[in-house]
PDB file of N, CA and C in Angstrom:
ATOM      1  N   MET A   1     -30.242 -40.511  -0.094  1.00  0.00           N
ATOM      2  CA  MET A   1     -29.325 -39.583   0.525  1.00  0.00           C
ATOM      3  C   MET A   1     -30.146 -38.501   1.215  1.00  0.00           C
ATOM      4  N   THR A   2     -29.826 -38.224   2.458  1.00  0.00           N
ATOM      5  CA  THR A   2     -30.560 -37.214   3.209  1.00  0.00           C
ATOM      6  C   THR A   2     -29.807 -35.899   3.172  1.00  0.00           C
ATOM      7  N   VAL A   3     -30.583 -34.839   3.172  1.00  0.00           N
ATOM      8  CA  VAL A   3     -30.005 -33.493   3.159  1.00  0.00           C
ATOM      9  C   VAL A   3     -30.299 -32.848   4.497  1.00  0.00           C
ATOM     10  N   ASN A   4     -29.321 -32.279   5.084  1.00  0.00           N
ATOM     11  CA  ASN A   4     -29.493 -31.589   6.347  1.00  0.00           C
ATOM     12  C   ASN A   4     -30.094 -30.209   6.054  1.00  0.00           C
ATOM     13  N   ARG A   5     -31.403 -30.083   6.251  1.00  0.00           N
ATOM     14  CA  ARG A   5     -32.099 -28.834   5.914  1.00  0.00           C
ATOM     15  C   ARG A   5     -31.704 -27.685   6.834  1.00  0.00           C
ATOM     16  N   VAL A   6     -31.366 -27.990   8.047  1.00  0.00           N
ATOM     17  CA  VAL A   6     -30.954 -26.939   8.977  1.00  0.00           C
ATOM     18  C   VAL A   6     -29.642 -26.320   8.501  1.00  0.00           C
ATOM     19  N   ALA A   7     -28.725 -27.149   8.045  1.00  0.00           N
ATOM     20  CA  ALA A   7     -27.441 -26.639   7.577  1.00  0.00           C
ATOM     21  C   ALA A   7     -27.608 -25.801   6.317  1.00  0.00           C
ATOM     22  N   LEU A   8     -28.568 -26.158   5.480  1.00  0.00           N
ATOM     23  CA  LEU A   8     -28.806 -25.381   4.264  1.00  0.00           C
ATOM     24  C   LEU A   8     -29.474 -24.040   4.573  1.00  0.00           C
ATOM     25  N   ALA A   9     -30.289 -23.987   5.598  1.00  0.00           N
ATOM     26  CA  ALA A   9     -31.016 -22.764   5.918  1.00  0.00           C
ATOM     27  C   ALA A   9     -30.144 -21.757   6.664  1.00  0.00           C
ATOM     28  N   MET A  10     -29.148 -22.217   7.365  1.00  0.00           N
ATOM     29  CA  MET A  10     -28.303 -21.314   8.154  1.00  0.00           C
ATOM     30  C   MET A  10     -27.205 -20.714   7.281  1.00  0.00           C
ATOM     31  N   PRO A  11     -26.807 -19.500   7.591  1.00  0.00           N
ATOM     32  CA  PRO A  11     -25.683 -18.916   6.841  1.00  0.00           C
ATOM     33  C   PRO A  11     -24.388 -19.660   7.141  1.00  0.00           C
ATOM     34  N   LEU A  12     -23.406 -19.426   6.301  1.00  0.00           N
ATOM     35  CA  LEU A  12     -22.130 -20.106   6.499  1.00  0.00           C
ATOM     36  C   LEU A  12     -21.509 -19.711   7.828  1.00  0.00           C
ATOM     37  N   ALA A  13     -20.966 -20.675   8.495  1.00  0.00           N
ATOM     38  CA  ALA A  13     -20.340 -20.429   9.793  1.00  0.00           C
ATOM     39  C   ALA A  13     -18.953 -19.825   9.585  1.00  0.00           C
ATOM     40  N   TYR A  14     -18.440 -19.273  10.650  1.00  0.00           N
ATOM     41  CA  TYR A  14     -17.098 -18.700  10.607  1.00  0.00           C
ATOM     42  C   TYR A  14     -16.084 -19.791  10.338  1.00  0.00           C
ATOM     43  N   ASN A  15     -15.242 -19.545   9.370  1.00  0.00           N
ATOM     44  CA  ASN A  15     -14.218 -20.513   9.012  1.00  0.00           C
ATOM     45  C   ASN A  15     -12.856 -19.832   9.140  1.00  0.00           C
ATOM     46  N   PRO A  16     -12.015 -20.265  10.071  1.00  0.00           N
ATOM     47  CA  PRO A  16     -10.708 -19.613  10.255  1.00  0.00           C
ATOM     48  C   PRO A  16      -9.825 -19.656   9.008  1.00  0.00           C
ATOM     49  N   ALA A  17      -9.965 -20.677   8.192  1.00  0.00           N
ATOM     50  CA  ALA A  17      -9.152 -20.764   6.977  1.00  0.00           C
ATOM     51  C   ALA A  17      -9.529 -19.653   6.001  1.00  0.00           C
ATOM     52  N   HIS A  18     -10.822 -19.345   5.899  1.00  0.00           N
ATOM     53  CA  HIS A  18     -11.258 -18.250   5.019  1.00  0.00           C
ATOM     54  C   HIS A  18     -10.779 -16.911   5.564  1.00  0.00           C
ATOM     55  N   HIS A  19     -10.840 -16.759   6.886  1.00  0.00           N
ATOM     56  CA  HIS A  19     -10.386 -15.511   7.498  1.00  0.00           C
ATOM     57  C   HIS A  19      -8.895 -15.298   7.234  1.00  0.00           C
ATOM     58  N   GLN A  20      -8.097 -16.342   7.362  1.00  0.00           N
ATOM     59  CA  GLN A  20      -6.660 -16.232   7.125  1.00  0.00           C
ATOM     60  C   GLN A  20      -6.375 -15.893   5.666  1.00  0.00           C
ATOM     61  N   ARG A  21      -7.101 -16.502   4.746  1.00  0.00           N
ATOM     62  CA  ARG A  21      -6.921 -16.221   3.325  1.00  0.00           C
ATOM     63  C   ARG A  21      -7.278 -14.776   3.014  1.00  0.00           C
ATOM     64  N   ASP A  22      -8.390 -14.296   3.577  1.00  0.00           N
ATOM     65  CA  ASP A  22      -8.790 -12.910   3.365  1.00  0.00           C
ATOM     66  C   ASP A  22      -7.781 -11.942   3.969  1.00  0.00           C
ATOM     67  N   MET A  23      -7.233 -12.285   5.110  1.00  0.00           N
ATOM     68  CA  MET A  23      -6.229 -11.437   5.749  1.00  0.00           C
ATOM     69  C   MET A  23      -4.957 -11.390   4.916  1.00  0.00           C
ATOM     70  N   ASP A  24      -4.561 -12.524   4.319  1.00  0.00           N
ATOM     71  CA  ASP A  24      -3.376 -12.538   3.461  1.00  0.00           C
ATOM     72  C   ASP A  24      -3.573 -11.636   2.251  1.00  0.00           C
ATOM     73  N   TYR A  25      -4.759 -11.677   1.642  1.00  0.00           N
ATOM     74  CA  TYR A  25      -5.051 -10.787   0.516  1.00  0.00           C
ATOM     75  C   TYR A  25      -5.002  -9.326   0.959  1.00  0.00           C
ATOM     76  N   SER A  26      -5.580  -9.037   2.104  1.00  0.00           N
ATOM     77  CA  SER A  26      -5.599  -7.665   2.606  1.00  0.00           C
ATOM     78  C   SER A  26      -4.195  -7.155   2.891  1.00  0.00           C
ATOM     79  N   LYS A  27      -3.367  -8.002   3.478  1.00  0.00           N
ATOM     80  CA  LYS A  27      -1.983  -7.604   3.762  1.00  0.00           C
ATOM     81  C   LYS A  27      -1.213  -7.353   2.464  1.00  0.00           C
ATOM     82  N   GLY A  28      -1.442  -8.165   1.466  1.00  0.00           N
ATOM     83  CA  GLY A  28      -0.770  -7.963   0.177  1.00  0.00           C
ATOM     84  C   GLY A  28      -1.200  -6.671  -0.497  1.00  0.00           C
ATOM     85  N   ILE A  29      -2.494  -6.384  -0.468  1.00  0.00           N
ATOM     86  CA  ILE A  29      -2.995  -5.151  -1.072  1.00  0.00           C
ATOM     87  C   ILE A  29      -2.474  -3.938  -0.313  1.00  0.00           C
ATOM     88  N   LEU A  30      -2.517  -3.987   1.005  1.00  0.00           N
ATOM     89  CA  LEU A  30      -2.012  -2.879   1.809  1.00  0.00           C
ATOM     90  C   LEU A  30      -0.510  -2.695   1.611  1.00  0.00           C
ATOM     91  N   SER A  31       0.231  -3.779   1.487  1.00  0.00           N
ATOM     92  CA  SER A  31       1.669  -3.687   1.227  1.00  0.00           C
ATOM     93  C   SER A  31       1.945  -3.035  -0.120  1.00  0.00           C
ATOM     94  N   GLY A  32       1.205  -3.425  -1.136  1.00  0.00           N
ATOM     95  CA  GLY A  32       1.383  -2.833  -2.466  1.00  0.00           C
ATOM     96  C   GLY A  32       1.023  -1.362  -2.506  1.00  0.00           C
ATOM     97  N   PHE A  33      -0.075  -1.010  -1.867  1.00  0.00           N
ATOM     98  CA  PHE A  33      -0.513   0.385  -1.824  1.00  0.00           C
ATOM     99  C   PHE A  33       0.526   1.253  -1.121  1.00  0.00           C
ATOM    100  N   ALA A  34       0.991   0.813   0.026  1.00  0.00           N
ATOM    101  CA  ALA A  34       1.986   1.580   0.784  1.00  0.00           C
ATOM    102  C   ALA A  34       3.315   1.640   0.036  1.00  0.00           C
ATOM    103  N   ALA A  35       3.694   0.570  -0.627  1.00  0.00           N
ATOM    104  CA  ALA A  35       4.961   0.546  -1.358  1.00  0.00           C
ATOM    105  C   ALA A  35       4.935   1.526  -2.520  1.00  0.00           C
ATOM    106  N   ILE A  36       3.856   1.551  -3.275  1.00  0.00           N
ATOM    107  CA  ILE A  36       3.762   2.470  -4.407  1.00  0.00           C
ATOM    108  C   ILE A  36       3.745   3.914  -3.920  1.00  0.00           C
ATOM    109  N   PHE A  37       3.010   4.196  -2.875  1.00  0.00           N
ATOM    110  CA  PHE A  37       2.951   5.570  -2.384  1.00  0.00           C
ATOM    111  C   PHE A  37       4.308   6.001  -1.815  1.00  0.00           C
ATOM    112  N   LEU A  38       4.977   5.137  -1.077  1.00  0.00           N
ATOM    113  CA  LEU A  38       6.302   5.488  -0.555  1.00  0.00           C
ATOM    114  C   LEU A  38       7.325   5.666  -1.676  1.00  0.00           C
ATOM    115  N   ALA A  39       7.283   4.793  -2.672  1.00  0.00           N
ATOM    116  CA  ALA A  39       8.221   4.913  -3.783  1.00  0.00           C
ATOM    117  C   ALA A  39       7.969   6.204  -4.565  1.00  0.00           C
ATOM    118  N   GLU A  40       6.745   6.652  -4.589  1.00  0.00           N
ATOM    119  CA  GLU A  40       6.421   7.905  -5.279  1.00  0.00           C
ATOM    120  C   GLU A  40       6.836   9.110  -4.456  1.00  0.00           C
ATOM    121  N   CYS A  41       6.641   9.056  -3.170  1.00  0.00           N
ATOM    122  CA  CYS A  41       6.876  10.230  -2.332  1.00  0.00           C
ATOM    123  C   CYS A  41       8.321  10.397  -1.889  1.00  0.00           C
ATOM    124  N   VAL A  42       9.000   9.317  -1.606  1.00  0.00           N
ATOM    125  CA  VAL A  42      10.339   9.448  -1.044  1.00  0.00           C
ATOM    126  C   VAL A  42      11.305  10.091  -2.044  1.00  0.00           C
ATOM    127  N   PRO A  43      11.637   9.465  -3.173  1.00  0.00           N
ATOM    128  CA  PRO A  43      12.548  10.150  -4.095  1.00  0.00           C
ATOM    129  C   PRO A  43      11.816  11.071  -5.056  1.00  0.00           C
ATOM    130  N   GLY A  44      10.553  10.767  -5.320  1.00  0.00           N
ATOM    131  CA  GLY A  44       9.797  11.551  -6.299  1.00  0.00           C
ATOM    132  C   GLY A  44       9.607  12.992  -5.903  1.00  0.00           C
ATOM    133  N   SER A  45       9.370  13.234  -4.629  1.00  0.00           N
ATOM    134  CA  SER A  45       9.141  14.605  -4.196  1.00  0.00           C
ATOM    135  C   SER A  45      10.402  15.449  -4.333  1.00  0.00           C
ATOM    136  N   TRP A  46      11.569  14.853  -4.075  1.00  0.00           N
ATOM    137  CA  TRP A  46      12.807  15.616  -4.227  1.00  0.00           C
ATOM    138  C   TRP A  46      13.064  15.937  -5.685  1.00  0.00           C
ATOM    139  N   LEU A  47      12.786  14.999  -6.576  1.00  0.00           N
ATOM    140  CA  LEU A  47      12.990  15.248  -7.998  1.00  0.00           C
ATOM    141  C   LEU A  47      12.022  16.304  -8.511  1.00  0.00           C
ATOM    142  N   VAL A  48      10.803  16.282  -8.020  1.00  0.00           N
ATOM    143  CA  VAL A  48       9.813  17.265  -8.451  1.00  0.00           C
ATOM    144  C   VAL A  48      10.234  18.666  -8.042  1.00  0.00           C
ATOM    145  N   PHE A  49      10.664  18.823  -6.798  1.00  0.00           N
ATOM    146  CA  PHE A  49      11.076  20.149  -6.343  1.00  0.00           C
ATOM    147  C   PHE A  49      12.333  20.625  -7.066  1.00  0.00           C
ATOM    148  N   ARG A  50      13.212  19.698  -7.391  1.00  0.00           N
ATOM    149  CA  ARG A  50      14.400  20.065  -8.161  1.00  0.00           C
ATOM    150  C   ARG A  50      13.998  20.556  -9.546  1.00  0.00           C
ATOM    151  N   ASP A  51      13.070  19.853 -10.194  1.00  0.00           N
ATOM    152  CA  ASP A  51      12.623  20.255 -11.526  1.00  0.00           C
ATOM    153  C   ASP A  51      11.855  21.566 -11.496  1.00  0.00           C
ATOM    154  N   ILE A  52      11.076  21.785 -10.452  1.00  0.00           N
ATOM    155  CA  ILE A  52      10.321  23.034 -10.347  1.00  0.00           C
ATOM    156  C   ILE A  52      11.284  24.209 -10.219  1.00  0.00           C
ATOM    157  N   SER A  53      12.314  24.066  -9.412  1.00  0.00           N
ATOM    158  CA  SER A  53      13.254  25.175  -9.244  1.00  0.00           C
ATOM    159  C   SER A  53      14.083  25.388 -10.501  1.00  0.00           C
ATOM    160  N   ARG A  54      14.379  24.343 -11.241  1.00  0.00           N
ATOM    161  CA  ARG A  54      15.164  24.470 -12.463  1.00  0.00           C
ATOM    162  C   ARG A  54      14.355  25.124 -13.577  1.00  0.00           C
ATOM    163  N   GLU A  55      13.098  24.746 -13.715  1.00  0.00           N
ATOM    164  CA  GLU A  55      12.279  25.248 -14.808  1.00  0.00           C
ATOM    165  C   GLU A  55      11.492  26.492 -14.436  1.00  0.00           C
ATOM    166  N   LYS A  56      11.521  26.869 -13.192  1.00  0.00           N
ATOM    167  CA  LYS A  56      10.752  28.010 -12.695  1.00  0.00           C
ATOM    168  C   LYS A  56       9.256  27.832 -12.954  1.00  0.00           C
ATOM    169  N   ALA A  57       8.810  26.593 -12.937  1.00  0.00           N
ATOM    170  CA  ALA A  57       7.394  26.304 -13.136  1.00  0.00           C
ATOM    171  C   ALA A  57       6.667  26.422 -11.806  1.00  0.00           C
ATOM    172  N   THR A  58       5.406  26.796 -11.880  1.00  0.00           N
ATOM    173  CA  THR A  58       4.604  26.923 -10.674  1.00  0.00           C
ATOM    174  C   THR A  58       3.289  26.184 -10.859  1.00  0.00           C
ATOM    175  N   GLY A  59       2.629  25.972  -9.758  1.00  0.00           N
ATOM    176  CA  GLY A  59       1.294  25.379  -9.803  1.00  0.00           C
ATOM    177  C   GLY A  59       1.311  23.867  -9.740  1.00  0.00           C
ATOM    178  N   LEU A  60       0.107  23.323  -9.740  1.00  0.00           N
ATOM    179  CA  LEU A  60      -0.053  21.874  -9.642  1.00  0.00           C
ATOM    180  C   LEU A  60       0.332  21.158 -10.920  1.00  0.00           C
ATOM    181  N   VAL A  61       0.334  21.871 -12.050  1.00  0.00           N
ATOM    182  CA  VAL A  61       0.708  21.227 -13.308  1.00  0.00           C
ATOM    183  C   VAL A  61       2.164  20.775 -13.249  1.00  0.00           C
ATOM    184  N   ALA A  62       3.017  21.614 -12.717  1.00  0.00           N
ATOM    185  CA  ALA A  62       4.432  21.235 -12.598  1.00  0.00           C
ATOM    186  C   ALA A  62       4.584  20.062 -11.632  1.00  0.00           C
ATOM    187  N   LEU A  63       3.849  20.088 -10.562  1.00  0.00           N
ATOM    188  CA  LEU A  63       3.915  19.005  -9.585  1.00  0.00           C
ATOM    189  C   LEU A  63       3.391  17.703 -10.175  1.00  0.00           C
ATOM    190  N   ALA A  64       2.253  17.762 -10.847  1.00  0.00           N
ATOM    191  CA  ALA A  64       1.669  16.547 -11.427  1.00  0.00           C
ATOM    192  C   ALA A  64       2.543  15.991 -12.543  1.00  0.00           C
ATOM    193  N   GLY A  65       3.134  16.861 -13.336  1.00  0.00           N
ATOM    194  CA  GLY A  65       4.017  16.388 -14.403  1.00  0.00           C
ATOM    195  C   GLY A  65       5.222  15.663 -13.859  1.00  0.00           C
ATOM    196  N   GLY A  66       5.811  16.197 -12.801  1.00  0.00           N
ATOM    197  CA  GLY A  66       6.970  15.544 -12.200  1.00  0.00           C
ATOM    198  C   GLY A  66       6.621  14.214 -11.562  1.00  0.00           C
ATOM    199  N   LEU A  67       5.468  14.135 -10.917  1.00  0.00           N
ATOM    200  CA  LEU A  67       5.058  12.868 -10.295  1.00  0.00           C
ATOM    201  C   LEU A  67       4.720  11.820 -11.341  1.00  0.00           C
ATOM    202  N   ALA A  68       4.051  12.252 -12.409  1.00  0.00           N
ATOM    203  CA  ALA A  68       3.718  11.299 -13.472  1.00  0.00           C
ATOM    204  C   ALA A  68       4.973  10.805 -14.171  1.00  0.00           C
ATOM    205  N   GLU A  69       5.957  11.687 -14.313  1.00  0.00           N
ATOM    206  CA  GLU A  69       7.214  11.287 -14.951  1.00  0.00           C
ATOM    207  C   GLU A  69       7.958  10.258 -14.111  1.00  0.00           C
ATOM    208  N   SER A  70       7.905  10.404 -12.816  1.00  0.00           N
ATOM    209  CA  SER A  70       8.646   9.471 -11.960  1.00  0.00           C
ATOM    210  C   SER A  70       8.021   8.077 -11.958  1.00  0.00           C
ATOM    211  N   VAL A  71       6.729   7.968 -12.261  1.00  0.00           N
ATOM    212  CA  VAL A  71       6.081   6.652 -12.294  1.00  0.00           C
ATOM    213  C   VAL A  71       6.647   5.784 -13.411  1.00  0.00           C
ATOM    214  N   PHE A  72       7.110   6.415 -14.475  1.00  0.00           N
ATOM    215  CA  PHE A  72       7.630   5.650 -15.608  1.00  0.00           C
ATOM    216  C   PHE A  72       9.130   5.397 -15.529  1.00  0.00           C
ATOM    217  N   SER A  73       9.745   5.736 -14.418  1.00  0.00           N
ATOM    218  CA  SER A  73      11.182   5.532 -14.302  1.00  0.00           C
ATOM    219  C   SER A  73      11.480   4.193 -13.618  1.00  0.00           C
ATOM    220  N   PRO A  74      12.553   3.544 -14.029  1.00  0.00           N
ATOM    221  CA  PRO A  74      12.919   2.275 -13.400  1.00  0.00           C
ATOM    222  C   PRO A  74      13.238   2.377 -11.906  1.00  0.00           C
ATOM    223  N   PRO A  75      13.894   3.455 -11.427  1.00  0.00           N
ATOM    224  CA  PRO A  75      14.141   3.514  -9.981  1.00  0.00           C
ATOM    225  C   PRO A  75      12.855   3.513  -9.151  1.00  0.00           C
ATOM    226  N   PHE A  76      11.799   4.111  -9.693  1.00  0.00           N
ATOM    227  CA  PHE A  76      10.515   4.095  -8.989  1.00  0.00           C
ATOM    228  C   PHE A  76      10.052   2.661  -8.782  1.00  0.00           C
ATOM    229  N   TRP A  77      10.084   1.862  -9.827  1.00  0.00           N
ATOM    230  CA  TRP A  77       9.590   0.491  -9.724  1.00  0.00           C
ATOM    231  C   TRP A  77      10.516  -0.382  -8.890  1.00  0.00           C
ATOM    232  N   LEU A  78      11.824  -0.116  -8.932  1.00  0.00           N
ATOM    233  CA  LEU A  78      12.732  -0.856  -8.055  1.00  0.00           C
ATOM    234  C   LEU A  78      12.428  -0.571  -6.585  1.00  0.00           C
ATOM    235  N   LEU A  79      12.215   0.703  -6.263  1.00  0.00           N
ATOM    236  CA  LEU A  79      11.864   1.044  -4.878  1.00  0.00           C
ATOM    237  C   LEU A  79      10.516   0.457  -4.492  1.00  0.00           C
ATOM    238  N   ALA A  80       9.550   0.498  -5.403  1.00  0.00           N
ATOM    239  CA  ALA A  80       8.225  -0.046  -5.102  1.00  0.00           C
ATOM    240  C   ALA A  80       8.304  -1.537  -4.808  1.00  0.00           C
ATOM    241  N   VAL A  81       9.053  -2.268  -5.612  1.00  0.00           N
ATOM    242  CA  VAL A  81       9.203  -3.711  -5.393  1.00  0.00           C
ATOM    243  C   VAL A  81       9.947  -3.972  -4.082  1.00  0.00           C
ATOM    244  N   LEU A  82      10.969  -3.172  -3.794  1.00  0.00           N
ATOM    245  CA  LEU A  82      11.714  -3.334  -2.547  1.00  0.00           C
ATOM    246  C   LEU A  82      10.832  -3.062  -1.332  1.00  0.00           C
ATOM    247  N   PHE A  83      10.081  -1.959  -1.358  1.00  0.00           N
ATOM    248  CA  PHE A  83       9.176  -1.658  -0.249  1.00  0.00           C
ATOM    249  C   PHE A  83       8.102  -2.738  -0.106  1.00  0.00           C
ATOM    250  N   PHE A  84       7.563  -3.212  -1.234  1.00  0.00           N
ATOM    251  CA  PHE A  84       6.549  -4.263  -1.167  1.00  0.00           C
ATOM    252  C   PHE A  84       7.115  -5.523  -0.529  1.00  0.00           C
ATOM    253  N   ALA A  85       8.311  -5.912  -0.936  1.00  0.00           N
ATOM    254  CA  ALA A  85       8.929  -7.123  -0.370  1.00  0.00           C
ATOM    255  C   ALA A  85       9.159  -6.966   1.132  1.00  0.00           C
ATOM    256  N   LEU A  86       9.620  -5.788   1.537  1.00  0.00           N
ATOM    257  CA  LEU A  86       9.858  -5.568   2.966  1.00  0.00           C
ATOM    258  C   LEU A  86       8.555  -5.597   3.765  1.00  0.00           C
ATOM    259  N   PHE A  87       7.540  -4.909   3.271  1.00  0.00           N
ATOM    260  CA  PHE A  87       6.262  -4.884   3.986  1.00  0.00           C
ATOM    261  C   PHE A  87       5.607  -6.264   4.007  1.00  0.00           C
ATOM    262  N   TYR A  88       5.654  -6.957   2.884  1.00  0.00           N
ATOM    263  CA  TYR A  88       5.006  -8.272   2.839  1.00  0.00           C
ATOM    264  C   TYR A  88       5.732  -9.269   3.740  1.00  0.00           C
ATOM    265  N   ALA A  89       7.068  -9.196   3.758  1.00  0.00           N
ATOM    266  CA  ALA A  89       7.830 -10.080   4.658  1.00  0.00           C
ATOM    267  C   ALA A  89       7.520  -9.744   6.115  1.00  0.00           C
ATOM    268  N   ALA A  90       7.389  -8.451   6.418  1.00  0.00           N
ATOM    269  CA  ALA A  90       7.072  -8.056   7.796  1.00  0.00           C
ATOM    270  C   ALA A  90       5.664  -8.507   8.177  1.00  0.00           C
ATOM    271  N   SER A  91       4.765  -8.565   7.207  1.00  0.00           N
ATOM    272  CA  SER A  91       3.393  -8.991   7.513  1.00  0.00           C
ATOM    273  C   SER A  91       3.307 -10.478   7.819  1.00  0.00           C
ATOM    274  N   ARG A  92       4.307 -11.229   7.428  1.00  0.00           N
ATOM    275  CA  ARG A  92       4.302 -12.682   7.650  1.00  0.00           C
ATOM    276  C   ARG A  92       5.078 -13.097   8.902  1.00  0.00           C
ATOM    277  N   LEU A  93       5.585 -12.127   9.663  1.00  0.00           N
ATOM    278  CA  LEU A  93       6.339 -12.451  10.872  1.00  0.00           C
ATOM    279  C   LEU A  93       5.435 -13.133  11.898  1.00  0.00           C
ATOM    280  N   ARG A  94       6.001 -14.043  12.650  1.00  0.00           N
ATOM    281  CA  ARG A  94       5.241 -14.757  13.681  1.00  0.00           C
ATOM    282  C   ARG A  94       5.145 -13.941  14.975  1.00  0.00           C
ATOM    283  N   ASN A  95       6.138 -13.104  15.241  1.00  0.00           N
ATOM    284  CA  ASN A  95       6.157 -12.291  16.452  1.00  0.00           C
ATOM    285  C   ASN A  95       5.182 -11.119  16.295  1.00  0.00           C
ATOM    286  N   ASN A  96       4.170 -11.056  17.159  1.00  0.00           N
ATOM    287  CA  ASN A  96       3.143 -10.025  17.031  1.00  0.00           C
ATOM    288  C   ASN A  96       3.697  -8.617  17.198  1.00  0.00           C
ATOM    289  N   LEU A  97       4.590  -8.422  18.135  1.00  0.00           N
ATOM    290  CA  LEU A  97       5.136  -7.088  18.389  1.00  0.00           C
ATOM    291  C   LEU A  97       5.931  -6.583  17.186  1.00  0.00           C
ATOM    292  N   LEU A  98       6.766  -7.440  16.617  1.00  0.00           N
ATOM    293  CA  LEU A  98       7.515  -7.044  15.421  1.00  0.00           C
ATOM    294  C   LEU A  98       6.587  -6.784  14.248  1.00  0.00           C
ATOM    295  N   ARG A  99       5.568  -7.614  14.100  1.00  0.00           N
ATOM    296  CA  ARG A  99       4.623  -7.426  12.994  1.00  0.00           C
ATOM    297  C   ARG A  99       3.894  -6.100  13.132  1.00  0.00           C
ATOM    298  N   ILE A 100       3.541  -5.729  14.354  1.00  0.00           N
ATOM    299  CA  ILE A 100       2.859  -4.450  14.572  1.00  0.00           C
ATOM    300  C   ILE A 100       3.780  -3.291  14.226  1.00  0.00           C
ATOM    301  N   PHE A 101       5.037  -3.331  14.697  1.00  0.00           N
ATOM    302  CA  PHE A 101       5.949  -2.215  14.479  1.00  0.00           C
ATOM    303  C   PHE A 101       6.515  -2.152  13.065  1.00  0.00           C
ATOM    304  N   LEU A 102       6.681  -3.297  12.410  1.00  0.00           N
ATOM    305  CA  LEU A 102       7.291  -3.301  11.079  1.00  0.00           C
ATOM    306  C   LEU A 102       6.288  -3.350   9.937  1.00  0.00           C
ATOM    307  N   PHE A 103       5.042  -3.738  10.223  1.00  0.00           N
ATOM    308  CA  PHE A 103       4.050  -3.798   9.145  1.00  0.00           C
ATOM    309  C   PHE A 103       2.858  -2.893   9.398  1.00  0.00           C
ATOM    310  N   TRP A 104       2.128  -3.125  10.485  1.00  0.00           N
ATOM    311  CA  TRP A 104       0.865  -2.430  10.671  1.00  0.00           C
ATOM    312  C   TRP A 104       1.023  -0.926  10.844  1.00  0.00           C
ATOM    313  N   ILE A 105       1.930  -0.499  11.685  1.00  0.00           N
ATOM    314  CA  ILE A 105       2.091   0.941  11.911  1.00  0.00           C
ATOM    315  C   ILE A 105       2.572   1.655  10.650  1.00  0.00           C
ATOM    316  N   PRO A 106       3.631   1.190   9.959  1.00  0.00           N
ATOM    317  CA  PRO A 106       4.062   1.915   8.763  1.00  0.00           C
ATOM    318  C   PRO A 106       3.035   1.903   7.631  1.00  0.00           C
ATOM    319  N   THR A 107       2.441   0.754   7.353  1.00  0.00           N
ATOM    320  CA  THR A 107       1.526   0.699   6.214  1.00  0.00           C
ATOM    321  C   THR A 107       0.248   1.486   6.477  1.00  0.00           C
ATOM    322  N   LEU A 108      -0.288   1.399   7.670  1.00  0.00           N
ATOM    323  CA  LEU A 108      -1.507   2.158   7.962  1.00  0.00           C
ATOM    324  C   LEU A 108      -1.225   3.655   8.030  1.00  0.00           C
ATOM    325  N   THR A 109      -0.058   4.047   8.520  1.00  0.00           N
ATOM    326  CA  THR A 109       0.306   5.460   8.531  1.00  0.00           C
ATOM    327  C   THR A 109       0.427   5.991   7.109  1.00  0.00           C
ATOM    328  N   VAL A 110       1.075   5.248   6.236  1.00  0.00           N
ATOM    329  CA  VAL A 110       1.212   5.663   4.836  1.00  0.00           C
ATOM    330  C   VAL A 110      -0.148   5.721   4.162  1.00  0.00           C
ATOM    331  N   ALA A 111      -1.004   4.738   4.419  1.00  0.00           N
ATOM    332  CA  ALA A 111      -2.325   4.721   3.798  1.00  0.00           C
ATOM    333  C   ALA A 111      -3.170   5.910   4.256  1.00  0.00           C
ATOM    334  N   VAL A 112      -3.151   6.219   5.530  1.00  0.00           N
ATOM    335  CA  VAL A 112      -3.919   7.358   6.043  1.00  0.00           C
ATOM    336  C   VAL A 112      -3.352   8.658   5.484  1.00  0.00           C
ATOM    337  N   PHE A 113      -2.038   8.778   5.422  1.00  0.00           N
ATOM    338  CA  PHE A 113      -1.416   9.974   4.862  1.00  0.00           C
ATOM    339  C   PHE A 113      -1.780  10.146   3.389  1.00  0.00           C
ATOM    340  N   CYS A 114      -1.773   9.056   2.637  1.00  0.00           N
ATOM    341  CA  CYS A 114      -2.135   9.114   1.214  1.00  0.00           C
ATOM    342  C   CYS A 114      -3.582   9.543   1.043  1.00  0.00           C
ATOM    343  N   ILE A 115      -4.475   8.989   1.837  1.00  0.00           N
ATOM    344  CA  ILE A 115      -5.895   9.386   1.754  1.00  0.00           C
ATOM    345  C   ILE A 115      -6.060  10.843   2.118  1.00  0.00           C
ATOM    346  N   ALA A 116      -5.304  11.325   3.104  1.00  0.00           N
ATOM    347  CA  ALA A 116      -5.376  12.746   3.483  1.00  0.00           C
ATOM    348  C   ALA A 116      -4.879  13.645   2.368  1.00  0.00           C
ATOM    349  N   VAL A 117      -3.795  13.257   1.710  1.00  0.00           N
ATOM    350  CA  VAL A 117      -3.270  14.063   0.600  1.00  0.00           C
ATOM    351  C   VAL A 117      -4.245  14.086  -0.560  1.00  0.00           C
ATOM    352  N   VAL A 118      -4.819  12.954  -0.889  1.00  0.00           N
ATOM    353  CA  VAL A 118      -5.793  12.892  -1.982  1.00  0.00           C
ATOM    354  C   VAL A 118      -7.046  13.711  -1.625  1.00  0.00           C
ATOM    355  N   ALA A 119      -7.434  13.685  -0.364  1.00  0.00           N
ATOM    356  CA  ALA A 119      -8.616  14.447   0.059  1.00  0.00           C
ATOM    357  C   ALA A 119      -8.386  15.953  -0.036  1.00  0.00           C
ATOM    358  N   LEU A 120      -7.135  16.390   0.095  1.00  0.00           N
ATOM    359  CA  LEU A 120      -6.841  17.825  -0.012  1.00  0.00           C
ATOM    360  C   LEU A 120      -7.018  18.338  -1.433  1.00  0.00           C
ATOM    361  N   PHE A 121      -6.839  17.476  -2.424  1.00  0.00           N
ATOM    362  CA  PHE A 121      -6.990  17.909  -3.812  1.00  0.00           C
ATOM    363  C   PHE A 121      -8.364  17.551  -4.279  1.00  0.00           C
TER     364      PHE A 121
END
C-alpha cells in the first residue's frame, strides 16, 4: 500500500462540510446567548425597577439581586426558550435577506450590547 506523502505533509484543505458544521454551532451558540440576554433584560429590568421602588433599595446590590432572582423564575426560561427557537429558526432560513434581518442583525446587536454592559461594570 502506498502512502501519498505530499498529502500527509500538507495541512488539511478547506472542506465546505466542516465550515457548515462550524457555522451551525456558531449560530446555535449566538442564538442561545442572545436569547438568555433578551429574556433577562426585557421583563427582568421592569421587575427589578419595580422591586427597587417598592423596597427603596439603592445601588448595584438591589439590581444584582433582582436580576439573579429572575434567572430562577419559570417565565425567564420560557422566554429564553422562545427567543432561542425564534433566532435558531431564523438562522436556518434559505432567504439571505430575511436571515440577515431576522437573525444576524438582532443577535449581533444584542451580543454587542451585552458586551458593552458587562464592560461598564
